[in-house]
């Protein structure tokens, strides 16, 4: 099971946003939340490089972050939330 992914965070005039794709005319689409982000597998560097190069060509400022699953389950005291 894959327990980590990579996410792009793009700097916009409205603040940092999560990358989720390209739209019409190849415009950069972003999300306010991680749930809307496109997640990339760390073992597929060619796709990450492709997106990075496209964002650079569009003169977008961005950074990459790891998103990982914590192997510890949520404590029982939080089960009733």
N, C-alpha and C. Protein backbone atom coordinates (compact mmCIF):
# COMPACT_ATOMS: atom_id res chain seq x y z
N UNK A 1 0.85 -1.18 0.00
CA UNK A 1 0.00 0.00 0.00
C UNK A 1 0.89 1.24 0.00
N UNK A 2 0.57 2.17 -0.87
CA UNK A 2 1.30 3.44 -0.94
C UNK A 2 0.83 4.32 0.21
N UNK A 3 1.77 4.77 1.06
CA UNK A 3 1.38 5.58 2.22
C UNK A 3 1.87 7.01 2.15
N UNK A 4 2.48 7.41 1.02
CA UNK A 4 2.89 8.80 0.88
C UNK A 4 2.69 9.25 -0.56
N UNK A 5 2.48 10.54 -0.70
CA UNK A 5 2.29 11.16 -2.01
C UNK A 5 2.99 12.50 -2.01
N UNK A 6 3.07 13.08 -3.19
CA UNK A 6 3.65 14.41 -3.35
C UNK A 6 2.55 15.33 -3.86
N UNK A 7 2.52 16.54 -3.32
CA UNK A 7 1.55 17.54 -3.74
C UNK A 7 2.30 18.81 -4.13
N UNK A 8 1.79 19.50 -5.15
CA UNK A 8 2.34 20.79 -5.56
C UNK A 8 1.57 21.89 -4.83
N UNK A 9 2.28 22.86 -4.28
CA UNK A 9 1.65 24.05 -3.72
C UNK A 9 2.09 25.22 -4.58
N UNK A 10 1.11 25.90 -5.18
CA UNK A 10 1.36 26.99 -6.12
C UNK A 10 1.08 28.31 -5.43
N UNK A 11 2.01 29.26 -5.59
CA UNK A 11 1.81 30.60 -5.04
C UNK A 11 0.92 31.37 -6.00
N UNK A 12 -0.18 31.92 -5.50
CA UNK A 12 -1.08 32.73 -6.31
C UNK A 12 -1.23 34.11 -5.67
N UNK A 13 -1.89 35.01 -6.35
CA UNK A 13 -2.11 36.35 -5.79
C UNK A 13 -3.01 36.28 -4.56
N UNK A 14 -3.77 35.22 -4.42
CA UNK A 14 -4.66 35.02 -3.26
C UNK A 14 -4.02 34.18 -2.17
N UNK A 15 -2.77 33.81 -2.33
CA UNK A 15 -2.08 32.97 -1.35
C UNK A 15 -1.73 31.61 -1.94
N UNK A 16 -1.21 30.74 -1.11
CA UNK A 16 -0.83 29.41 -1.55
C UNK A 16 -2.06 28.54 -1.81
N UNK A 17 -1.99 27.77 -2.89
CA UNK A 17 -3.09 26.89 -3.27
C UNK A 17 -2.51 25.54 -3.69
N UNK A 18 -3.32 24.50 -3.59
CA UNK A 18 -2.92 23.16 -4.03
C UNK A 18 -3.23 22.99 -5.51
N UNK A 19 -2.26 22.48 -6.26
CA UNK A 19 -2.44 22.23 -7.69
C UNK A 19 -3.35 21.02 -7.90
N UNK A 20 -4.28 21.13 -8.88
CA UNK A 20 -5.05 19.94 -9.23
C UNK A 20 -5.17 19.70 -10.72
N UNK A 21 -4.62 20.56 -11.56
CA UNK A 21 -4.65 20.26 -12.99
C UNK A 21 -4.50 21.49 -13.85
N UNK A 22 -4.72 21.27 -15.15
CA UNK A 22 -4.69 22.35 -16.13
C UNK A 22 -6.05 22.40 -16.80
N UNK A 23 -6.55 23.61 -17.00
CA UNK A 23 -7.87 23.79 -17.60
C UNK A 23 -7.80 24.23 -19.04
N UNK A 24 -8.83 24.97 -19.45
CA UNK A 24 -8.89 25.50 -20.81
C UNK A 24 -7.68 26.39 -21.05
N UNK A 25 -7.18 26.33 -22.26
CA UNK A 25 -5.98 27.10 -22.63
C UNK A 25 -4.81 26.80 -21.71
N UNK A 26 -4.81 25.62 -21.11
CA UNK A 26 -3.72 25.17 -20.24
C UNK A 26 -3.54 26.05 -19.00
N UNK A 27 -4.63 26.67 -18.52
CA UNK A 27 -4.55 27.49 -17.31
C UNK A 27 -4.35 26.58 -16.09
N UNK A 28 -3.69 27.11 -15.07
CA UNK A 28 -3.39 26.34 -13.87
C UNK A 28 -4.63 26.34 -12.96
N UNK A 29 -5.08 25.15 -12.58
CA UNK A 29 -6.23 25.00 -11.69
C UNK A 29 -5.73 24.66 -10.29
N UNK A 30 -6.27 25.34 -9.28
CA UNK A 30 -5.82 25.12 -7.91
C UNK A 30 -7.01 24.95 -6.97
N UNK A 31 -6.71 24.42 -5.80
CA UNK A 31 -7.72 24.16 -4.78
C UNK A 31 -7.29 24.81 -3.47
N UNK A 32 -8.25 25.24 -2.68
CA UNK A 32 -7.95 25.79 -1.36
C UNK A 32 -7.58 24.70 -0.35
N UNK A 33 -8.04 23.48 -0.60
CA UNK A 33 -7.85 22.41 0.39
C UNK A 33 -7.09 21.23 -0.19
N UNK A 34 -6.47 20.49 0.69
CA UNK A 34 -5.73 19.30 0.29
C UNK A 34 -6.65 18.26 -0.35
N UNK A 35 -7.89 18.21 0.07
CA UNK A 35 -8.81 17.22 -0.49
C UNK A 35 -9.06 17.45 -1.98
N UNK A 36 -8.86 18.66 -2.46
CA UNK A 36 -9.03 18.95 -3.88
C UNK A 36 -7.76 18.85 -4.68
N UNK A 37 -6.66 18.57 -4.03
CA UNK A 37 -5.35 18.53 -4.69
C UNK A 37 -5.15 17.25 -5.49
N UNK A 38 -4.36 17.36 -6.53
CA UNK A 38 -3.90 16.18 -7.28
C UNK A 38 -2.69 15.64 -6.54
N UNK A 39 -2.73 14.37 -6.19
CA UNK A 39 -1.62 13.73 -5.48
C UNK A 39 -0.81 12.91 -6.47
N UNK A 40 0.51 12.97 -6.34
CA UNK A 40 1.41 12.26 -7.24
C UNK A 40 2.20 11.22 -6.47
N UNK A 41 2.36 10.06 -7.08
CA UNK A 41 3.13 8.97 -6.47
C UNK A 41 4.62 9.32 -6.55
N UNK A 42 5.35 9.20 -5.44
CA UNK A 42 6.78 9.51 -5.46
C UNK A 42 7.58 8.63 -6.42
N UNK A 43 7.06 7.46 -6.75
CA UNK A 43 7.80 6.55 -7.65
C UNK A 43 7.51 6.84 -9.12
N UNK A 44 6.85 7.97 -9.43
CA UNK A 44 6.60 8.38 -10.82
C UNK A 44 7.21 9.76 -11.07
N UNK A 45 8.53 9.87 -10.99
CA UNK A 45 9.18 11.18 -11.12
C UNK A 45 8.97 11.84 -12.48
N UNK A 46 8.70 11.07 -13.52
CA UNK A 46 8.52 11.66 -14.85
C UNK A 46 7.27 12.55 -14.88
N UNK A 47 6.20 12.14 -14.23
CA UNK A 47 4.98 12.96 -14.18
C UNK A 47 5.21 14.22 -13.35
N UNK A 48 5.92 14.08 -12.24
CA UNK A 48 6.23 15.23 -11.38
C UNK A 48 7.09 16.22 -12.16
N UNK A 49 8.07 15.71 -12.89
CA UNK A 49 8.94 16.58 -13.69
C UNK A 49 8.15 17.28 -14.79
N UNK A 50 7.24 16.56 -15.43
CA UNK A 50 6.41 17.15 -16.50
C UNK A 50 5.58 18.32 -15.97
N UNK A 51 4.93 18.13 -14.83
CA UNK A 51 4.13 19.20 -14.23
C UNK A 51 5.03 20.36 -13.81
N UNK A 52 6.18 20.05 -13.21
CA UNK A 52 7.13 21.09 -12.78
C UNK A 52 7.57 21.94 -13.96
N UNK A 53 7.91 21.30 -15.07
CA UNK A 53 8.37 22.04 -16.25
C UNK A 53 7.27 22.93 -16.81
N UNK A 54 6.04 22.43 -16.83
CA UNK A 54 4.93 23.23 -17.33
C UNK A 54 4.69 24.44 -16.43
N UNK A 55 4.74 24.24 -15.11
CA UNK A 55 4.55 25.37 -14.19
C UNK A 55 5.68 26.39 -14.34
N UNK A 56 6.90 25.92 -14.54
CA UNK A 56 8.03 26.83 -14.75
C UNK A 56 7.85 27.63 -16.04
N UNK A 57 7.40 26.97 -17.11
CA UNK A 57 7.16 27.66 -18.38
C UNK A 57 6.10 28.74 -18.21
N UNK A 58 5.14 28.51 -17.34
CA UNK A 58 4.08 29.47 -17.08
C UNK A 58 4.51 30.51 -16.05
N UNK A 59 5.77 30.42 -15.62
CA UNK A 59 6.35 31.34 -14.63
C UNK A 59 5.58 31.33 -13.30
N UNK A 60 5.15 30.14 -12.91
CA UNK A 60 4.46 29.97 -11.63
C UNK A 60 5.46 29.58 -10.55
N UNK A 61 5.31 30.17 -9.39
CA UNK A 61 6.14 29.83 -8.25
C UNK A 61 5.44 28.69 -7.50
N UNK A 62 6.18 27.63 -7.21
CA UNK A 62 5.58 26.46 -6.56
C UNK A 62 6.62 25.74 -5.74
N UNK A 63 6.13 24.85 -4.89
CA UNK A 63 7.01 23.97 -4.12
C UNK A 63 6.32 22.61 -3.99
N UNK A 64 7.10 21.61 -3.68
CA UNK A 64 6.58 20.25 -3.53
C UNK A 64 6.60 19.88 -2.05
N UNK A 65 5.57 19.14 -1.63
CA UNK A 65 5.50 18.67 -0.25
C UNK A 65 5.09 17.20 -0.24
N UNK A 66 5.59 16.48 0.75
CA UNK A 66 5.14 15.11 0.97
C UNK A 66 3.86 15.14 1.79
N UNK A 67 2.95 14.26 1.47
CA UNK A 67 1.74 14.01 2.26
C UNK A 67 1.81 12.53 2.61
N UNK A 68 1.73 12.23 3.91
CA UNK A 68 1.92 10.84 4.32
C UNK A 68 0.83 10.38 5.28
N UNK A 69 0.56 9.10 5.23
CA UNK A 69 -0.38 8.46 6.14
C UNK A 69 0.36 8.08 7.40
N UNK A 70 -0.15 8.50 8.53
CA UNK A 70 0.43 8.12 9.81
C UNK A 70 0.06 6.66 10.08
N UNK A 71 1.03 5.80 10.36
CA UNK A 71 0.71 4.38 10.58
C UNK A 71 -0.09 4.13 11.86
N UNK A 72 -0.12 5.11 12.76
CA UNK A 72 -0.88 4.96 14.00
C UNK A 72 -2.33 5.36 13.77
N UNK A 73 -3.28 4.51 14.17
CA UNK A 73 -4.70 4.88 14.04
C UNK A 73 -5.06 6.01 15.01
N UNK A 74 -6.18 6.64 14.75
CA UNK A 74 -6.67 7.70 15.64
C UNK A 74 -6.99 7.07 16.99
N UNK A 75 -6.61 7.75 18.09
CA UNK A 75 -6.90 7.20 19.42
C UNK A 75 -8.40 6.97 19.63
N UNK A 76 -8.71 5.99 20.45
CA UNK A 76 -10.11 5.61 20.71
C UNK A 76 -10.93 6.79 21.23
N UNK A 77 -10.31 7.72 21.94
CA UNK A 77 -11.06 8.86 22.49
C UNK A 77 -11.62 9.75 21.39
N UNK A 78 -11.12 9.65 20.16
CA UNK A 78 -11.62 10.46 19.06
C UNK A 78 -12.62 9.72 18.19
N UNK A 79 -12.89 8.47 18.51
CA UNK A 79 -13.79 7.65 17.69
C UNK A 79 -15.22 8.20 17.62
N UNK A 80 -15.65 8.94 18.63
CA UNK A 80 -17.04 9.41 18.68
C UNK A 80 -17.23 10.78 18.05
N UNK A 81 -16.28 11.27 17.33
CA UNK A 81 -16.42 12.59 16.70
C UNK A 81 -17.38 12.55 15.55
